[in-house]
C-alpha atoms as a PDB file:
ATOM      1  CA  MET A   1      90.654  60.968  79.300  1.00  0.00           C
ATOM      2  CA  ALA A   2      93.937  58.995  81.738  1.00  0.00           C
ATOM      3  CA  SER A   3      93.397  55.555  81.536  1.00  0.00           C
ATOM      4  CA  ILE A   4      91.781  52.906  83.625  1.00  0.00           C
ATOM      5  CA  LEU A   5      94.333  52.139  86.806  1.00  0.00           C
ATOM      6  CA  LYS A   6      94.110  48.194  85.729  1.00  0.00           C
ATOM      7  CA  ASN A   7      96.672  47.250  88.023  1.00  0.00           C
ATOM      8  CA  VAL A   8      95.307  47.001  91.310  1.00  0.00           C
ATOM      9  CA  VAL A   9      95.820  45.595  94.820  1.00  0.00           C
ATOM     10  CA  ILE A  10      93.671  44.785  97.531  1.00  0.00           C
ATOM     11  CA  ILE A  11      94.921  44.771 101.220  1.00  0.00           C
ATOM     12  CA  GLY A  12      91.959  43.543 103.537  1.00  0.00           C
ATOM     13  CA  GLY A  13      89.718  41.616 101.052  1.00  0.00           C
ATOM     14  CA  GLY A  14      88.835  38.964 103.417  1.00  0.00           C
ATOM     15  CA  GLY A  15      86.711  41.281 105.541  1.00  0.00           C
ATOM     16  CA  ASN A  16      83.301  42.728 105.563  1.00  0.00           C
ATOM     17  CA  ILE A  17      84.118  45.788 103.565  1.00  0.00           C
ATOM     18  CA  GLY A  18      86.708  44.109 101.859  1.00  0.00           C
ATOM     19  CA  LYS A  19      84.797  41.262 100.516  1.00  0.00           C
ATOM     20  CA  MET A  20      82.183  44.172  99.180  1.00  0.00           C
ATOM     21  CA  VAL A  21      85.339  45.645  97.094  1.00  0.00           C
ATOM     22  CA  LEU A  22      86.647  43.203  95.557  1.00  0.00           C
ATOM     23  CA  ASP A  23      82.558  41.344  94.206  1.00  0.00           C
ATOM     24  CA  ALA A  24      82.701  44.838  92.514  1.00  0.00           C
ATOM     25  CA  LEU A  25      86.109  44.558  90.622  1.00  0.00           C
ATOM     26  CA  ILE A  26      85.608  41.033  89.807  1.00  0.00           C
ATOM     27  CA  SER A  27      82.476  42.413  88.661  1.00  0.00           C
ATOM     28  CA  SER A  28      83.599  44.910  86.070  1.00  0.00           C
ATOM     29  CA  GLY A  29      85.851  42.010  84.713  1.00  0.00           C
ATOM     30  CA  GLN A  30      88.014  45.038  83.829  1.00  0.00           C
ATOM     31  CA  PHE A  31      91.155  44.588  86.742  1.00  0.00           C
ATOM     32  CA  ASN A  32      94.094  42.706  87.099  1.00  0.00           C
ATOM     33  CA  ILE A  33      93.721  41.716  91.113  1.00  0.00           C
ATOM     34  CA  THR A  34      95.805  40.939  93.724  1.00  0.00           C
ATOM     35  CA  ALA A  35      94.612  40.347  96.976  1.00  0.00           C
ATOM     36  CA  ILE A  36      97.571  40.739 100.285  1.00  0.00           C
ATOM     37  CA  GLN A  37      96.753  38.371 103.444  1.00  0.00           C
ATOM     38  CA  ARG A  38      98.672  38.388 106.314  1.00  0.00           C
ATOM     39  CA  GLN A  39     100.289  34.618 106.171  1.00  0.00           C
ATOM     40  CA  GLU A  40      98.522  33.446 109.114  1.00  0.00           C
ATOM     41  CA  SER A  41      95.187  34.498 107.029  1.00  0.00           C
ATOM     42  CA  GLU A  42      92.702  31.630 105.941  1.00  0.00           C
ATOM     43  CA  ALA A  43      90.637  33.604 103.769  1.00  0.00           C
ATOM     44  CA  THR A  44      90.600  32.551 100.219  1.00  0.00           C
ATOM     45  CA  PHE A  45      89.468  34.089  97.119  1.00  0.00           C
ATOM     46  CA  SER A  46      88.122  34.215  93.681  1.00  0.00           C
ATOM     47  CA  PRO A  47      90.512  32.115  90.989  1.00  0.00           C
ATOM     48  CA  GLY A  48      90.468  35.066  89.121  1.00  0.00           C
ATOM     49  CA  VAL A  49      92.604  36.683  92.002  1.00  0.00           C
ATOM     50  CA  LYS A  50      95.773  36.707  92.663  1.00  0.00           C
ATOM     51  CA  ALA A  51      96.661  36.350  96.052  1.00  0.00           C
ATOM     52  CA  ILE A  52      99.823  36.666  97.892  1.00  0.00           C
ATOM     53  CA  LYS A  53     100.677  36.167 101.801  1.00  0.00           C
ATOM     54  CA  SER A  54     102.775  39.024 103.077  1.00  0.00           C
ATOM     55  CA  ASP A  55     104.191  39.781 106.434  1.00  0.00           C
ATOM     56  CA  PHE A  56     103.390  42.136 106.206  1.00  0.00           C
ATOM     57  CA  SER A  57     107.403  44.231 106.903  1.00  0.00           C
ATOM     58  CA  ASP A  58     108.180  47.036 104.591  1.00  0.00           C
ATOM     59  CA  SER A  59     109.948  44.933 101.610  1.00  0.00           C
ATOM     60  CA  SER A  60     107.396  42.570 101.356  1.00  0.00           C
ATOM     61  CA  LEU A  61     105.019  45.392 100.756  1.00  0.00           C
ATOM     62  CA  GLU A  62     107.089  47.259  98.688  1.00  0.00           C
ATOM     63  CA  GLU A  63     107.138  43.647  96.432  1.00  0.00           C
ATOM     64  CA  ALA A  64     103.872  43.019  95.951  1.00  0.00           C
ATOM     65  CA  PHE A  65     103.183  46.324  95.182  1.00  0.00           C
ATOM     66  CA  LYS A  66     105.737  46.134  92.334  1.00  0.00           C
ATOM     67  CA  GLY A  67     104.159  46.635  88.905  1.00  0.00           C
ATOM     68  CA  GLN A  68     100.307  47.821  90.328  1.00  0.00           C
ATOM     69  CA  ASP A  69      98.649  50.892  89.620  1.00  0.00           C
ATOM     70  CA  ALA A  70      96.325  51.381  92.147  1.00  0.00           C
ATOM     71  CA  VAL A  71      96.199  50.004  95.874  1.00  0.00           C
ATOM     72  CA  ILE A  72      93.385  49.384  97.759  1.00  0.00           C
ATOM     73  CA  SER A  73      93.052  49.453 101.815  1.00  0.00           C
ATOM     74  CA  THR A  74      89.742  48.353 103.279  1.00  0.00           C
ATOM     75  CA  VAL A  75      91.890  47.188 107.043  1.00  0.00           C
ATOM     76  CA  GLY A  76      89.490  47.888 109.653  1.00  0.00           C
ATOM     77  CA  ALA A  77      90.589  49.081 112.752  1.00  0.00           C
ATOM     78  CA  THR A  78      93.339  47.287 113.909  1.00  0.00           C
ATOM     79  CA  GLY A  79      94.901  47.624 110.754  1.00  0.00           C
ATOM     80  CA  PHE A  80      94.478  52.132 110.430  1.00  0.00           C
ATOM     81  CA  THR A  81      97.999  52.803 111.708  1.00  0.00           C
ATOM     82  CA  GLU A  82      99.805  50.744 110.129  1.00  0.00           C
ATOM     83  CA  GLN A  83      98.216  52.570 106.460  1.00  0.00           C
ATOM     84  CA  GLN A  84     101.024  54.633 106.380  1.00  0.00           C
ATOM     85  CA  LYS A  85     102.943  51.829 105.977  1.00  0.00           C
ATOM     86  CA  PHE A  86     101.690  51.164 103.105  1.00  0.00           C
ATOM     87  CA  VAL A  87     101.696  54.278 101.417  1.00  0.00           C
ATOM     88  CA  ASP A  88     105.213  54.579 101.842  1.00  0.00           C
ATOM     89  CA  ALA A  89     105.634  50.956 100.474  1.00  0.00           C
ATOM     90  CA  ALA A  90     103.003  51.776  97.683  1.00  0.00           C
ATOM     91  CA  LEU A  91     105.569  55.220  96.527  1.00  0.00           C
ATOM     92  CA  ARG A  92     108.460  53.236  96.510  1.00  0.00           C
ATOM     93  CA  ALA A  93     107.272  51.186  93.909  1.00  0.00           C
ATOM     94  CA  GLY A  94     105.943  53.586  92.351  1.00  0.00           C
ATOM     95  CA  VAL A  95     102.692  53.088  92.629  1.00  0.00           C
ATOM     96  CA  LYS A  96      99.716  55.451  90.904  1.00  0.00           C
ATOM     97  CA  ARG A  97      97.061  56.035  93.352  1.00  0.00           C
ATOM     98  CA  PHE A  98      96.313  55.198  97.306  1.00  0.00           C
ATOM     99  CA  ILE A  99      92.326  54.679  97.945  1.00  0.00           C
ATOM    100  CA  PRO A 100      92.655  55.339 102.199  1.00  0.00           C
ATOM    101  CA  SER A 101      90.082  52.543 104.004  1.00  0.00           C
ATOM    102  CA  GLU A 102      87.347  54.843 104.803  1.00  0.00           C
ATOM    103  CA  LEU A 103      84.307  53.706 102.646  1.00  0.00           C
ATOM    104  CA  SER A 104      82.549  54.980 106.565  1.00  0.00           C
ATOM    105  CA  ALA A 105      80.752  58.044 108.129  1.00  0.00           C
ATOM    106  CA  SER A 106      83.535  60.953 106.878  1.00  0.00           C
ATOM    107  CA  SER A 107      86.605  61.513 108.568  1.00  0.00           C
ATOM    108  CA  ILE A 108      87.771  64.893 107.247  1.00  0.00           C
ATOM    109  CA  ASP A 109      83.968  65.691 109.791  1.00  0.00           C
ATOM    110  CA  GLU A 110      85.415  67.045 112.977  1.00  0.00           C
ATOM    111  CA  ALA A 111      81.980  65.811 114.537  1.00  0.00           C
ATOM    112  CA  VAL A 112      82.999  62.674 113.558  1.00  0.00           C
ATOM    113  CA  THR A 113      86.082  62.449 114.738  1.00  0.00           C
ATOM    114  CA  LYS A 114      85.146  63.910 118.643  1.00  0.00           C
ATOM    115  CA  LEU A 115      82.845  61.563 118.632  1.00  0.00           C
ATOM    116  CA  LEU A 116      84.717  58.068 118.145  1.00  0.00           C
ATOM    117  CA  PRO A 117      89.110  59.829 117.812  1.00  0.00           C
ATOM    118  CA  LEU A 118      89.908  55.942 116.461  1.00  0.00           C
ATOM    119  CA  PHE A 119      88.342  57.732 112.998  1.00  0.00           C
ATOM    120  CA  GLY A 120      91.255  60.933 113.497  1.00  0.00           C
ATOM    121  CA  VAL A 121      94.162  58.023 112.334  1.00  0.00           C
ATOM    122  CA  LYS A 122      92.021  58.197 109.193  1.00  0.00           C
ATOM    123  CA  THR A 123      92.044  61.996 109.323  1.00  0.00           C
ATOM    124  CA  ASN A 124      96.046  61.545 109.910  1.00  0.00           C
ATOM    125  CA  LEU A 125      96.151  59.361 106.989  1.00  0.00           C
ATOM    126  CA  ILE A 126      94.451  61.724 103.977  1.00  0.00           C
ATOM    127  CA  ASP A 127      97.076  64.711 105.452  1.00  0.00           C
ATOM    128  CA  TYR A 128     100.152  62.149 104.870  1.00  0.00           C
ATOM    129  CA  LEU A 129      98.853  61.409 101.863  1.00  0.00           C
ATOM    130  CA  LYS A 130      98.535  65.449 100.688  1.00  0.00           C
ATOM    131  CA  SER A 131     101.252  65.740 101.870  1.00  0.00           C
ATOM    132  CA  LYS A 132     103.329  63.321  99.335  1.00  0.00           C
ATOM    133  CA  GLU A 133     101.115  63.875  96.031  1.00  0.00           C
ATOM    134  CA  SER A 134     104.178  66.378  94.594  1.00  0.00           C
ATOM    135  CA  GLU A 135     106.163  62.674  94.852  1.00  0.00           C
ATOM    136  CA  GLY A 136     104.101  61.090  92.323  1.00  0.00           C
ATOM    137  CA  LEU A 137     100.984  59.336  94.563  1.00  0.00           C
ATOM    138  CA  SER A 138      97.821  60.367  94.272  1.00  0.00           C
ATOM    139  CA  TRP A 139      94.469  59.852  96.035  1.00  0.00           C
ATOM    140  CA  THR A 140      90.824  59.724  96.463  1.00  0.00           C
ATOM    141  CA  GLY A 141      89.188  58.976  99.780  1.00  0.00           C
ATOM    142  CA  ILE A 142      85.353  58.156  99.785  1.00  0.00           C
ATOM    143  CA  ALA A 143      83.502  58.770 101.829  1.00  0.00           C
ATOM    144  CA  THR A 144      79.976  56.636 102.335  1.00  0.00           C
ATOM    145  CA  SER A 145      78.214  56.497 105.968  1.00  0.00           C
ATOM    146  CA  GLY A 146      76.682  53.329 106.547  1.00  0.00           C
ATOM    147  CA  LEU A 147      75.532  51.180 104.812  1.00  0.00           C
ATOM    148  CA  LEU A 148      71.654  50.077 104.812  1.00  0.00           C
ATOM    149  CA  ASP A 149      70.943  46.819 103.000  1.00  0.00           C
ATOM    150  CA  TRP A 150      74.011  45.065 105.485  1.00  0.00           C
ATOM    151  CA  CYS A 151      73.191  47.037 109.028  1.00  0.00           C
ATOM    152  CA  LEU A 152      69.385  45.794 107.861  1.00  0.00           C
ATOM    153  CA  THR A 153      70.732  42.735 107.610  1.00  0.00           C
ATOM    154  CA  THR A 154      72.547  42.142 110.336  1.00  0.00           C
ATOM    155  CA  GLY A 155      70.670  44.130 112.960  1.00  0.00           C
ATOM    156  CA  PHE A 156      73.626  46.250 113.437  1.00  0.00           C
ATOM    157  CA  LEU A 157      70.964  49.136 113.130  1.00  0.00           C
ATOM    158  CA  GLU A 158      68.524  47.927 115.570  1.00  0.00           C
ATOM    159  CA  TYR A 159      66.119  46.147 113.169  1.00  0.00           C
ATOM    160  CA  ASP A 160      65.490  42.614 114.532  1.00  0.00           C
ATOM    161  CA  LEU A 161      63.770  41.184 110.720  1.00  0.00           C
ATOM    162  CA  GLN A 162      63.032  38.029 112.787  1.00  0.00           C
ATOM    163  CA  LYS A 163      61.517  39.547 116.066  1.00  0.00           C
ATOM    164  CA  HIS A 164      59.590  42.203 114.587  1.00  0.00           C
ATOM    165  CA  THR A 165      61.437  44.806 116.675  1.00  0.00           C
ATOM    166  CA  ALA A 166      62.915  48.211 116.364  1.00  0.00           C
ATOM    167  CA  ILE A 167      64.763  50.925 118.766  1.00  0.00           C
ATOM    168  CA  ILE A 168      64.555  54.308 117.367  1.00  0.00           C
ATOM    169  CA  TRP A 169      66.507  56.797 118.672  1.00  0.00           C
ATOM    170  CA  ASP A 170      64.944  60.734 119.042  1.00  0.00           C
ATOM    171  CA  GLY A 171      62.277  60.480 116.959  1.00  0.00           C
ATOM    172  CA  GLY A 172      63.764  59.059 114.066  1.00  0.00           C
ATOM    173  CA  ASP A 173      62.965  61.867 111.834  1.00  0.00           C
ATOM    174  CA  LYS A 174      66.079  63.192 111.644  1.00  0.00           C
ATOM    175  CA  ARG A 175      67.546  62.650 108.004  1.00  0.00           C
ATOM    176  CA  PHE A 176      69.797  60.159 107.080  1.00  0.00           C
ATOM    177  CA  SER A 177      72.177  59.848 103.682  1.00  0.00           C
ATOM    178  CA  THR A 178      73.727  55.820 103.809  1.00  0.00           C
ATOM    179  CA  ILE A 179      75.065  53.289 101.389  1.00  0.00           C
ATOM    180  CA  ASN A 180      73.871  50.194 100.109  1.00  0.00           C
ATOM    181  CA  GLU A 181      76.452  47.087  99.509  1.00  0.00           C
ATOM    182  CA  LYS A 182      76.756  47.493  95.329  1.00  0.00           C
ATOM    183  CA  ALA A 183      77.147  51.086  94.824  1.00  0.00           C
ATOM    184  CA  LEU A 184      79.717  50.599  97.848  1.00  0.00           C
ATOM    185  CA  GLY A 185      81.847  48.773  95.675  1.00  0.00           C
ATOM    186  CA  GLN A 186      81.299  50.646  92.344  1.00  0.00           C
ATOM    187  CA  SER A 187      82.532  53.699  93.733  1.00  0.00           C
ATOM    188  CA  VAL A 188      85.513  51.912  94.427  1.00  0.00           C
ATOM    189  CA  VAL A 189      85.480  50.222  90.529  1.00  0.00           C
ATOM    190  CA  SER A 190      84.007  54.267  89.875  1.00  0.00           C
ATOM    191  CA  VAL A 191      87.027  55.569  90.785  1.00  0.00           C
ATOM    192  CA  LEU A 192      89.266  52.822  88.762  1.00  0.00           C
ATOM    193  CA  GLN A 193      87.599  54.462  86.155  1.00  0.00           C
ATOM    194  CA  ARG A 194      87.952  57.864  86.163  1.00  0.00           C
ATOM    195  CA  PRO A 195      91.119  58.468  87.480  1.00  0.00           C
ATOM    196  CA  ASP A 196      91.125  61.586  86.052  1.00  0.00           C
ATOM    197  CA  VAL A 197      88.586  63.398  88.139  1.00  0.00           C
ATOM    198  CA  THR A 198      88.943  61.542  91.123  1.00  0.00           C
ATOM    199  CA  LYS A 199      92.883  62.496  91.736  1.00  0.00           C
ATOM    200  CA  ASN A 200      93.235  63.666  94.913  1.00  0.00           C
ATOM    201  CA  LYS A 201      89.938  64.375  95.743  1.00  0.00           C
ATOM    202  CA  TYR A 202      88.036  63.628  99.113  1.00  0.00           C
ATOM    203  CA  LEU A 203      83.767  62.371  97.782  1.00  0.00           C
ATOM    204  CA  HIS A 204      81.318  61.831  99.314  1.00  0.00           C
ATOM    205  CA  VAL A 205      78.273  59.517  98.501  1.00  0.00           C
ATOM    206  CA  ALA A 206      74.991  57.732  98.918  1.00  0.00           C
ATOM    207  CA  SER A 207      72.269  55.488  98.095  1.00  0.00           C
ATOM    208  CA  LEU A 208      69.070  56.887  99.048  1.00  0.00           C
ATOM    209  CA  GLU A 209      68.425  60.101 101.634  1.00  0.00           C
ATOM    210  CA  THR A 210      66.047  58.735 104.639  1.00  0.00           C
ATOM    211  CA  SER A 211      64.391  58.447 108.432  1.00  0.00           C
ATOM    212  CA  GLN A 212      64.510  56.066 110.882  1.00  0.00           C
ATOM    213  CA  ASN A 213      60.994  56.019 110.370  1.00  0.00           C
ATOM    214  CA  GLU A 214      61.055  55.887 107.101  1.00  0.00           C
ATOM    215  CA  ILE A 215      62.800  52.718 107.612  1.00  0.00           C
ATOM    216  CA  LEU A 216      60.480  51.416 110.790  1.00  0.00           C
ATOM    217  CA  SER A 217      57.149  52.786 107.930  1.00  0.00           C
ATOM    218  CA  ALA A 218      59.162  50.700 104.920  1.00  0.00           C
ATOM    219  CA  LEU A 219      59.371  47.922 106.908  1.00  0.00           C
ATOM    220  CA  GLU A 220      55.969  47.296 108.487  1.00  0.00           C
ATOM    221  CA  LYS A 221      54.709  47.487 104.978  1.00  0.00           C
ATOM    222  CA  GLU A 222      56.759  45.077 103.368  1.00  0.00           C
ATOM    223  CA  THR A 223      56.698  42.602 106.268  1.00  0.00           C
ATOM    224  CA  GLY A 224      52.444  43.379 107.072  1.00  0.00           C
ATOM    225  CA  ALA A 225      53.275  43.161 110.680  1.00  0.00           C
ATOM    226  CA  LYS A 226      53.290  46.080 113.018  1.00  0.00           C
ATOM    227  CA  TRP A 227      56.482  46.316 114.901  1.00  0.00           C
ATOM    228  CA  SER A 228      57.253  46.944 118.993  1.00  0.00           C
ATOM    229  CA  VAL A 229      59.002  49.726 118.516  1.00  0.00           C
ATOM    230  CA  SER A 230      61.421  51.022 121.777  1.00  0.00           C
ATOM    231  CA  HIS A 231      62.644  54.992 122.247  1.00  0.00           C
ATOM    232  CA  VAL A 232      66.482  56.135 123.021  1.00  0.00           C
ATOM    233  CA  GLN A 233      67.425  59.695 123.462  1.00  0.00           C
ATOM    234  CA  THR A 234      70.997  59.953 121.821  1.00  0.00           C
ATOM    235  CA  ASP A 235      72.969  61.834 125.002  1.00  0.00           C
ATOM    236  CA  GLU A 236      72.170  58.727 126.679  1.00  0.00           C
ATOM    237  CA  VAL A 237      72.934  55.775 125.308  1.00  0.00           C
ATOM    238  CA  VAL A 238      76.807  57.567 123.766  1.00  0.00           C
ATOM    239  CA  SER A 239      77.092  58.779 127.857  1.00  0.00           C
ATOM    240  CA  ALA A 240      77.388  54.817 127.813  1.00  0.00           C
ATOM    241  CA  ALA A 241      78.934  54.201 124.347  1.00  0.00           C
ATOM    242  CA  GLN A 242      81.678  55.765 125.749  1.00  0.00           C
ATOM    243  CA  LYS A 243      82.278  54.365 128.898  1.00  0.00           C
ATOM    244  CA  GLN A 244      82.708  51.491 127.421  1.00  0.00           C
ATOM    245  CA  LEU A 245      84.780  52.216 125.061  1.00  0.00           C
ATOM    246  CA  ALA A 246      87.382  54.073 128.434  1.00  0.00           C
ATOM    247  CA  ALA A 247      86.617  49.957 130.104  1.00  0.00           C
ATOM    248  CA  GLY A 248      87.982  48.749 126.876  1.00  0.00           C
ATOM    249  CA  ASP A 249      85.417  46.598 125.555  1.00  0.00           C
ATOM    250  CA  PHE A 250      84.443  47.891 122.164  1.00  0.00           C
ATOM    251  CA  THR A 251      81.083  47.223 121.453  1.00  0.00           C
ATOM    252  CA  GLY A 252      80.978  51.139 122.605  1.00  0.00           C
ATOM    253  CA  ALA A 253      82.536  51.685 119.232  1.00  0.00           C
ATOM    254  CA  PHE A 254      80.227  49.868 117.520  1.00  0.00           C
ATOM    255  CA  THR A 255      77.301  51.749 118.997  1.00  0.00           C
ATOM    256  CA  LEU A 256      79.271  55.571 118.330  1.00  0.00           C
ATOM    257  CA  VAL A 257      79.490  54.189 114.350  1.00  0.00           C
ATOM    258  CA  ARG A 258      75.865  54.278 115.230  1.00  0.00           C
ATOM    259  CA  ALA A 259      75.764  57.299 116.439  1.00  0.00           C
ATOM    260  CA  MET A 260      77.140  58.368 112.965  1.00  0.00           C
ATOM    261  CA  MET A 261      74.197  57.303 111.108  1.00  0.00           C
ATOM    262  CA  VAL A 262      71.500  58.586 113.614  1.00  0.00           C
ATOM    263  CA  GLY A 263      72.215  60.463 116.138  1.00  0.00           C
ATOM    264  CA  ASN A 264      71.161  63.701 117.016  1.00  0.00           C
ATOM    265  CA  ILE A 265      75.178  65.147 117.310  1.00  0.00           C
ATOM    266  CA  PRO A 266      75.743  68.409 117.377  1.00  0.00           C
ATOM    267  CA  GLY A 267      77.666  69.833 113.886  1.00  0.00           C
ATOM    268  CA  LEU A 268      77.053  66.589 112.659  1.00  0.00           C
ATOM    269  CA  ARG A 269      77.068  65.513 108.838  1.00  0.00           C
ATOM    270  CA  ALA A 270      75.361  62.805 108.990  1.00  0.00           C
ATOM    271  CA  ASN A 271      73.110  64.109 105.624  1.00  0.00           C
ATOM    272  CA  TYR A 272      75.865  63.462 102.743  1.00  0.00           C
ATOM    273  CA  VAL A 273      73.054  64.259 100.421  1.00  0.00           C
ATOM    274  CA  GLN A 274      71.913  67.674 101.467  1.00  0.00           C
ATOM    275  CA  GLU A 275      74.662  68.777 103.105  1.00  0.00           C
ATOM    276  CA  THR A 276      77.482  67.846 101.268  1.00  0.00           C
ATOM    277  CA  ASP A 277      78.937  68.472  97.670  1.00  0.00           C
ATOM    278  CA  LEU A 278      77.991  64.325  96.064  1.00  0.00           C
ATOM    279  CA  ALA A 279      79.644  62.469  94.217  1.00  0.00           C
ATOM    280  CA  ASN A 280      77.406  60.736  92.749  1.00  0.00           C
ATOM    281  CA  ASP A 281      77.367  62.150  89.351  1.00  0.00           C
ATOM    282  CA  LEU A 282      81.081  62.280  88.838  1.00  0.00           C
ATOM    283  CA  LEU A 283      81.398  58.355  90.001  1.00  0.00           C
ATOM    284  CA  GLY A 284      78.182  57.484  87.697  1.00  0.00           C
ATOM    285  CA  LEU A 285      75.930  56.594  90.676  1.00  0.00           C
ATOM    286  CA  LYS A 286      71.991  55.916  90.785  1.00  0.00           C
ATOM    287  CA  PHE A 287      69.566  56.126  94.082  1.00  0.00           C
ATOM    288  CA  GLU A 288      67.537  54.082  94.979  1.00  0.00           C
ATOM    289  CA  THR A 289      64.864  54.428  97.476  1.00  0.00           C
ATOM    290  CA  ILE A 290      64.299  53.101 100.775  1.00  0.00           C
ATOM    291  CA  GLU A 291      61.317  50.732  99.778  1.00  0.00           C
ATOM    292  CA  GLU A 292      63.347  49.276  97.144  1.00  0.00           C
ATOM    293  CA  THR A 293      66.264  47.971  99.303  1.00  0.00           C
ATOM    294  CA  VAL A 294      63.647  47.017 102.057  1.00  0.00           C
ATOM    295  CA  ARG A 295      62.103  45.247  99.791  1.00  0.00           C
ATOM    296  CA  ARG A 296      65.089  43.495  98.543  1.00  0.00           C
ATOM    297  CA  VAL A 297      66.924  43.001 102.075  1.00  0.00           C
ATOM    298  CA  VAL A 298      63.092  41.546 103.018  1.00  0.00           C
ATOM    299  CA  SER A 299      63.296  39.337 100.790  1.00  0.00           C
ATOM    300  CA  GLN A 300      66.301  37.608 101.100  1.00  0.00           C
END
């Protein structure tokens, strides 16, 4: 078995997803961690994380990547187009593994990129990484779908924990997979711990399989309250979101990301448990129940 990829650098470690990955790396206690941040960034990191300010020029990135075993990109939408530059710098620096900014809906699902063409940039990067395999840089993509505990805590999935209200799409019975924060971070850690079996692969992972109505039922049970429910249809919501996005309102993109989880989108493979070759066993990821997840979220 190959040794773990011990020396790792993370880009975007100050963002929501980046913090989850960084916390998992730190908790494992197995890695030497470097966080690359822009010159103007005010993000702070734990004492055990080496922080490097960069102007993100080719030479600056290459220098930061020297001696690293893996580069993990957790950049948000505004950084998707910069990732090819990260790959090229990693190649020049002799990095062994590149983990691109997936950790969301699967960008190799054509229905996803059709719904939100922005994700096509991520698809193109996977193709670019494949083209660099012969040059010695390996890669691993990780599709997680949406973050259930985070979505419930922030209201992103349209369940309001304070007001006890919910917006349900298309009747609420569509089943989909989702992941929780701890498992998302662990999926990256596990890839670094298992470099041989995760080399040049696109992996789908999940914490649970559920539906909107199951989530609602669990929330009502845990809060001891009957929730007020509004109903919407995917076609109407998606059409309005696409018009928002076309007009320059990026909140439309967030709605389309939500649609990737709960919407009835033709051809969309939103249930990784049933519709993909799930990598949970490969990565040692455990399943949770909707009741466990909701109990933890409500208690917090």
